[in-house]
C-alpha atoms as a PDB file:
ATOM      1  CA  MET A   1     -13.028  -1.471  11.079  1.00  0.00           C
ATOM      2  CA  ASN A   2     -16.670  -1.651  12.021  1.00  0.00           C
ATOM      3  CA  PHE A   3     -16.058  -4.536  14.655  1.00  0.00           C
ATOM      4  CA  LEU A   4     -13.489  -1.651  16.078  1.00  0.00           C
ATOM      5  CA  CYS A   5     -15.617   0.726  16.182  1.00  0.00           C
ATOM      6  CA  ASP A   6     -19.265  -1.218  17.343  1.00  0.00           C
ATOM      7  CA  SER A   7     -16.772  -2.632  19.931  1.00  0.00           C
ATOM      8  CA  SER A   8     -15.059  -0.803  23.276  1.00  0.00           C
ATOM      9  CA  LEU A   9     -11.355  -1.675  21.807  1.00  0.00           C
ATOM     10  CA  VAL A  10     -11.703   2.148  20.886  1.00  0.00           C
ATOM     11  CA  SER A  11     -12.446   5.596  21.863  1.00  0.00           C
ATOM     12  CA  ASN A  12     -13.850   7.255  18.287  1.00  0.00           C
ATOM     13  CA  HIS A  13     -14.676   6.131  15.158  1.00  0.00           C
ATOM     14  CA  GLU A  14     -11.460   7.194  13.169  1.00  0.00           C
ATOM     15  CA  SER A  15      -8.333   5.056  12.639  1.00  0.00           C
ATOM     16  CA  GLY A  16      -4.980   4.203  11.836  1.00  0.00           C
ATOM     17  CA  ILE A  17      -4.166   0.863   9.055  1.00  0.00           C
ATOM     18  CA  VAL A  18      -0.906  -0.840   9.135  1.00  0.00           C
ATOM     19  CA  GLY A  19       0.428  -2.400   5.883  1.00  0.00           C
ATOM     20  CA  LEU A  20       3.412  -4.005   4.934  1.00  0.00           C
ATOM     21  CA  SER A  21       4.407  -5.777   1.088  1.00  0.00           C
ATOM     22  CA  ILE A  22       1.465  -7.092  -0.283  1.00  0.00           C
ATOM     23  CA  ARG A  23      -1.183  -5.893   3.099  1.00  0.00           C
ATOM     24  CA  GLY A  24       0.346  -2.618   2.281  1.00  0.00           C
ATOM     25  CA  GLY A  25      -2.405  -2.289  -0.805  1.00  0.00           C
ATOM     26  CA  ALA A  26      -5.045  -4.601   0.945  1.00  0.00           C
ATOM     27  CA  ALA A  27      -4.695  -1.716   3.859  1.00  0.00           C
ATOM     28  CA  ILE A  28      -4.832   0.679  -0.028  1.00  0.00           C
ATOM     29  CA  ASP A  29      -8.317  -0.556  -0.067  1.00  0.00           C
ATOM     30  CA  THR A  30      -9.244  -0.760   2.587  1.00  0.00           C
ATOM     31  CA  ALA A  31      -9.276   2.954   3.200  1.00  0.00           C
ATOM     32  CA  SER A  32     -10.332   3.354  -0.188  1.00  0.00           C
ATOM     33  CA  LEU A  33     -13.426   2.141   0.788  1.00  0.00           C
ATOM     34  CA  ASP A  34     -13.945   2.856   4.610  1.00  0.00           C
ATOM     35  CA  HIS A  35     -13.227   6.881   5.888  1.00  0.00           C
ATOM     36  CA  GLN A  36     -13.239   6.089   8.610  1.00  0.00           C
ATOM     37  CA  VAL A  37      -9.411   5.514   8.117  1.00  0.00           C
ATOM     38  CA  LYS A  38      -8.001   8.714   8.847  1.00  0.00           C
ATOM     39  CA  GLY A  39      -4.472   7.320   8.866  1.00  0.00           C
ATOM     40  CA  LEU A  40      -2.870   4.653   7.060  1.00  0.00           C
ATOM     41  CA  ILE A  41       1.312   4.063   6.245  1.00  0.00           C
ATOM     42  CA  THR A  42       2.465   1.285   4.245  1.00  0.00           C
ATOM     43  CA  VAL A  43       5.880  -0.164   3.704  1.00  0.00           C
ATOM     44  CA  GLY A  44       7.012  -1.627   0.036  1.00  0.00           C
ATOM     45  CA  ALA A  45       3.280  -1.233  -0.732  1.00  0.00           C
ATOM     46  CA  ILE A  46       2.233  -2.960  -4.130  1.00  0.00           C
ATOM     47  CA  SER A  47       0.473  -0.895  -7.116  1.00  0.00           C
ATOM     48  CA  HIS A  48      -0.440  -3.862  -8.792  1.00  0.00           C
ATOM     49  CA  PRO A  49      -0.534  -7.568  -8.013  1.00  0.00           C
ATOM     50  CA  PHE A  50      -0.051  -7.939 -12.136  1.00  0.00           C
ATOM     51  CA  GLU A  51       3.376  -5.284 -11.642  1.00  0.00           C
ATOM     52  CA  LEU A  52       4.583  -7.540  -8.544  1.00  0.00           C
ATOM     53  CA  MET A  53       4.050 -10.817 -10.606  1.00  0.00           C
ATOM     54  CA  LYS A  54       5.556  -9.473 -13.862  1.00  0.00           C
ATOM     55  CA  TYR A  55       8.599  -8.230 -11.865  1.00  0.00           C
ATOM     56  CA  GLU A  56       9.035 -11.374 -10.550  1.00  0.00           C
ATOM     57  CA  PHE A  57       8.359 -13.219 -13.785  1.00  0.00           C
ATOM     58  CA  GLN A  58      11.540 -11.336 -15.600  1.00  0.00           C
ATOM     59  CA  LYS A  59      13.732 -12.242 -12.313  1.00  0.00           C
ATOM     60  CA  ARG A  60      13.152 -15.593 -13.220  1.00  0.00           C
ATOM     61  CA  LYS A  61      13.388 -15.303 -16.838  1.00  0.00           C
ATOM     62  CA  ILE A  62       9.989 -16.391 -17.576  1.00  0.00           C
ATOM     63  CA  PRO A  63       8.462 -14.847 -20.769  1.00  0.00           C
ATOM     64  CA  SER A  64       5.704 -12.629 -19.925  1.00  0.00           C
ATOM     65  CA  PHE A  65       2.688 -13.930 -22.307  1.00  0.00           C
ATOM     66  CA  ILE A  66       2.766 -16.584 -19.710  1.00  0.00           C
ATOM     67  CA  LEU A  67       1.536 -14.535 -17.326  1.00  0.00           C
ATOM     68  CA  ARG A  68      -0.993 -12.536 -19.361  1.00  0.00           C
ATOM     69  CA  LEU A  69      -2.385 -15.990 -19.720  1.00  0.00           C
ATOM     70  CA  LEU A  70      -2.566 -16.839 -16.102  1.00  0.00           C
ATOM     71  CA  PHE A  71      -4.602 -13.020 -15.363  1.00  0.00           C
ATOM     72  CA  GLY A  72      -6.299 -13.470 -18.251  1.00  0.00           C
ATOM     73  CA  TYR A  73      -7.461 -17.153 -17.306  1.00  0.00           C
ATOM     74  CA  MET A  74      -8.422 -16.321 -13.917  1.00  0.00           C
ATOM     75  CA  LYS A  75     -10.324 -13.804 -14.659  1.00  0.00           C
ATOM     76  CA  VAL A  76     -12.530 -15.557 -16.740  1.00  0.00           C
ATOM     77  CA  ARG A  77     -13.130 -19.184 -15.518  1.00  0.00           C
ATOM     78  CA  LEU A  78     -12.807 -17.463 -11.753  1.00  0.00           C
ATOM     79  CA  GLY A  79     -14.066 -14.135 -12.186  1.00  0.00           C
ATOM     80  CA  ILE A  80     -11.774 -12.710 -10.082  1.00  0.00           C
ATOM     81  CA  ASP A  81     -11.119  -9.045 -11.480  1.00  0.00           C
ATOM     82  CA  PHE A  82      -7.501  -7.576 -10.372  1.00  0.00           C
ATOM     83  CA  ASP A  83      -8.045  -3.682 -11.837  1.00  0.00           C
ATOM     84  CA  LYS A  84     -10.977  -3.916  -9.710  1.00  0.00           C
ATOM     85  CA  THR A  85      -8.831  -4.714  -7.134  1.00  0.00           C
ATOM     86  CA  ALA A  86      -6.031  -3.014  -7.439  1.00  0.00           C
ATOM     87  CA  PRO A  87      -4.274   0.285  -4.848  1.00  0.00           C
ATOM     88  CA  ILE A  88      -3.248   2.128  -8.030  1.00  0.00           C
ATOM     89  CA  ASN A  89      -6.464   2.246  -9.008  1.00  0.00           C
ATOM     90  CA  ASN A  90      -7.831   2.869  -5.200  1.00  0.00           C
ATOM     91  CA  ILE A  91      -5.915   4.691  -3.382  1.00  0.00           C
ATOM     92  CA  ARG A  92      -7.612   8.417  -5.242  1.00  0.00           C
ATOM     93  CA  ASN A  93     -11.186   6.985  -3.231  1.00  0.00           C
ATOM     94  CA  ALA A  94      -9.079   7.148  -0.058  1.00  0.00           C
ATOM     95  CA  GLU A  95      -9.848  10.071   2.655  1.00  0.00           C
ATOM     96  CA  ALA A  96      -7.411   9.116   4.808  1.00  0.00           C
ATOM     97  CA  ASP A  97      -3.573  10.561   4.936  1.00  0.00           C
ATOM     98  CA  ILE A  98      -1.896   8.412   3.614  1.00  0.00           C
ATOM     99  CA  LEU A  99       2.214   7.190   4.305  1.00  0.00           C
ATOM    100  CA  LEU A 100       4.152   4.828   1.512  1.00  0.00           C
ATOM    101  CA  ILE A 101       7.052   4.160   2.541  1.00  0.00           C
ATOM    102  CA  HIS A 102       9.534   2.389   0.503  1.00  0.00           C
ATOM    103  CA  GLY A 103      13.001   0.762   0.394  1.00  0.00           C
ATOM    104  CA  ASP A 104      15.390   2.330  -2.514  1.00  0.00           C
ATOM    105  CA  LYS A 105      17.493  -1.579  -2.891  1.00  0.00           C
ATOM    106  CA  ASP A 106      13.875  -2.966  -2.275  1.00  0.00           C
ATOM    107  CA  THR A 107      13.953  -6.514  -4.403  1.00  0.00           C
ATOM    108  CA  THR A 108      10.680  -8.266  -3.648  1.00  0.00           C
ATOM    109  CA  VAL A 109       8.231  -5.357  -4.265  1.00  0.00           C
ATOM    110  CA  SER A 110      10.488  -2.626  -7.270  1.00  0.00           C
ATOM    111  CA  LEU A 111      10.505   0.428  -5.933  1.00  0.00           C
ATOM    112  CA  GLU A 112       8.721   1.804  -8.922  1.00  0.00           C
ATOM    113  CA  GLN A 113       5.049   0.049  -7.492  1.00  0.00           C
ATOM    114  CA  GLY A 114       5.944   2.624  -4.999  1.00  0.00           C
ATOM    115  CA  GLN A 115       5.929   6.088  -6.800  1.00  0.00           C
ATOM    116  CA  ALA A 116       3.425   4.508  -9.293  1.00  0.00           C
ATOM    117  CA  LEU A 117       1.028   4.705  -6.181  1.00  0.00           C
ATOM    118  CA  GLU A 118       2.245   8.128  -5.379  1.00  0.00           C
ATOM    119  CA  LYS A 119       1.024  10.033  -8.878  1.00  0.00           C
ATOM    120  CA  PHE A 120      -2.810   9.323  -7.805  1.00  0.00           C
ATOM    121  CA  GLU A 121      -4.676  12.484  -7.896  1.00  0.00           C
ATOM    122  CA  ASN A 122      -4.691  14.139  -4.458  1.00  0.00           C
ATOM    123  CA  LYS A 123      -0.724  15.250  -3.388  1.00  0.00           C
ATOM    124  CA  ASN A 124      -2.399  17.131  -0.789  1.00  0.00           C
ATOM    125  CA  LYS A 125      -2.902  13.520   1.608  1.00  0.00           C
ATOM    126  CA  VAL A 126       0.041  11.435   0.092  1.00  0.00           C
ATOM    127  CA  GLN A 127       3.723  11.443   1.684  1.00  0.00           C
ATOM    128  CA  PHE A 128       6.076   9.370   0.309  1.00  0.00           C
ATOM    129  CA  TRP A 129       9.325   8.703   1.719  1.00  0.00           C
ATOM    130  CA  ILE A 130      12.406   6.436  -0.332  1.00  0.00           C
ATOM    131  CA  VAL A 131      14.494   5.310   2.705  1.00  0.00           C
ATOM    132  CA  PRO A 132      17.615   4.769   1.571  1.00  0.00           C
ATOM    133  CA  ASP A 133      20.304   1.934   1.290  1.00  0.00           C
ATOM    134  CA  LYS A 134      17.007  -0.158   2.958  1.00  0.00           C
ATOM    135  CA  GLY A 135      15.541  -3.523   1.054  1.00  0.00           C
ATOM    136  CA  HIS A 136      11.841  -4.866   1.424  1.00  0.00           C
ATOM    137  CA  SER A 137      11.403  -5.883   5.105  1.00  0.00           C
ATOM    138  CA  ASP A 138      14.526  -3.692   7.080  1.00  0.00           C
ATOM    139  CA  CYS A 139      12.966   0.272   6.719  1.00  0.00           C
ATOM    140  CA  GLU A 140      12.045  -0.652  10.201  1.00  0.00           C
ATOM    141  CA  THR A 141      16.219  -0.179  10.279  1.00  0.00           C
ATOM    142  CA  HIS A 142      16.869   3.292   8.892  1.00  0.00           C
ATOM    143  CA  PRO A 143      17.267   5.957  12.640  1.00  0.00           C
ATOM    144  CA  GLU A 144      14.666   8.490   9.831  1.00  0.00           C
ATOM    145  CA  VAL A 145      11.917   6.362  10.397  1.00  0.00           C
ATOM    146  CA  TRP A 146      10.132   6.336  13.698  1.00  0.00           C
ATOM    147  CA  GLY A 147      10.622   9.775  13.771  1.00  0.00           C
ATOM    148  CA  LYS A 148       8.610  10.078  10.384  1.00  0.00           C
ATOM    149  CA  VAL A 149       6.052   7.719  11.814  1.00  0.00           C
ATOM    150  CA  GLU A 150       5.334  10.165  14.125  1.00  0.00           C
ATOM    151  CA  GLY A 151       5.281  13.169  12.768  1.00  0.00           C
ATOM    152  CA  PHE A 152       2.176  11.742   9.861  1.00  0.00           C
ATOM    153  CA  LEU A 153       1.109  10.277  13.485  1.00  0.00           C
ATOM    154  CA  ASN A 154       0.244  13.252  15.437  1.00  0.00           C
ATOM    155  CA  LYS A 155      -0.862  15.431  12.634  1.00  0.00           C
ATOM    156  CA  SER A 156      -3.276  11.909  10.435  1.00  0.00           C
ATOM    157  CA  LEU A 157      -4.439  10.599  13.491  1.00  0.00           C
ATOM    158  CA  PRO A 158      -3.549  13.397  16.672  1.00  0.00           C
ATOM    159  CA  ILE A 159      -4.799  12.669  20.272  1.00  0.00           C
ATOM    160  CA  SER A 160      -6.862  15.385  21.500  1.00  0.00           C
END
């Protein structure tokens, strides 16, 4: 964000971010740290890396204790604290308006993760749209999506 704001690429210091899937989680984390972000759109964002992996382990019928061991090992051995970087724990710090888009047929990132992100304290800042009959990578094909995106952008990042 600082690179963009210090360059001649943008005309002011208010920006927006779009993040898809795991990058949607990264976009939430960026908005929680950098208050120059005024608008944020995610599609199929994760709420927590552990929840994403738990979902994958369940689909493959891998016992959940292995996941707990793996995450515990990464924390102790590598110093990675997934709770610290989890979007669910950082979304409340974002000052940006947020549009969370999630397909109700998403089998990559469960709908429950999007619903968990929606439940943070500042409901005035977050809009959550469950896209009917869409999965993880096809929400943009819904006939209403671009109208919703345009309305959100006009509100959160108006062009004066």
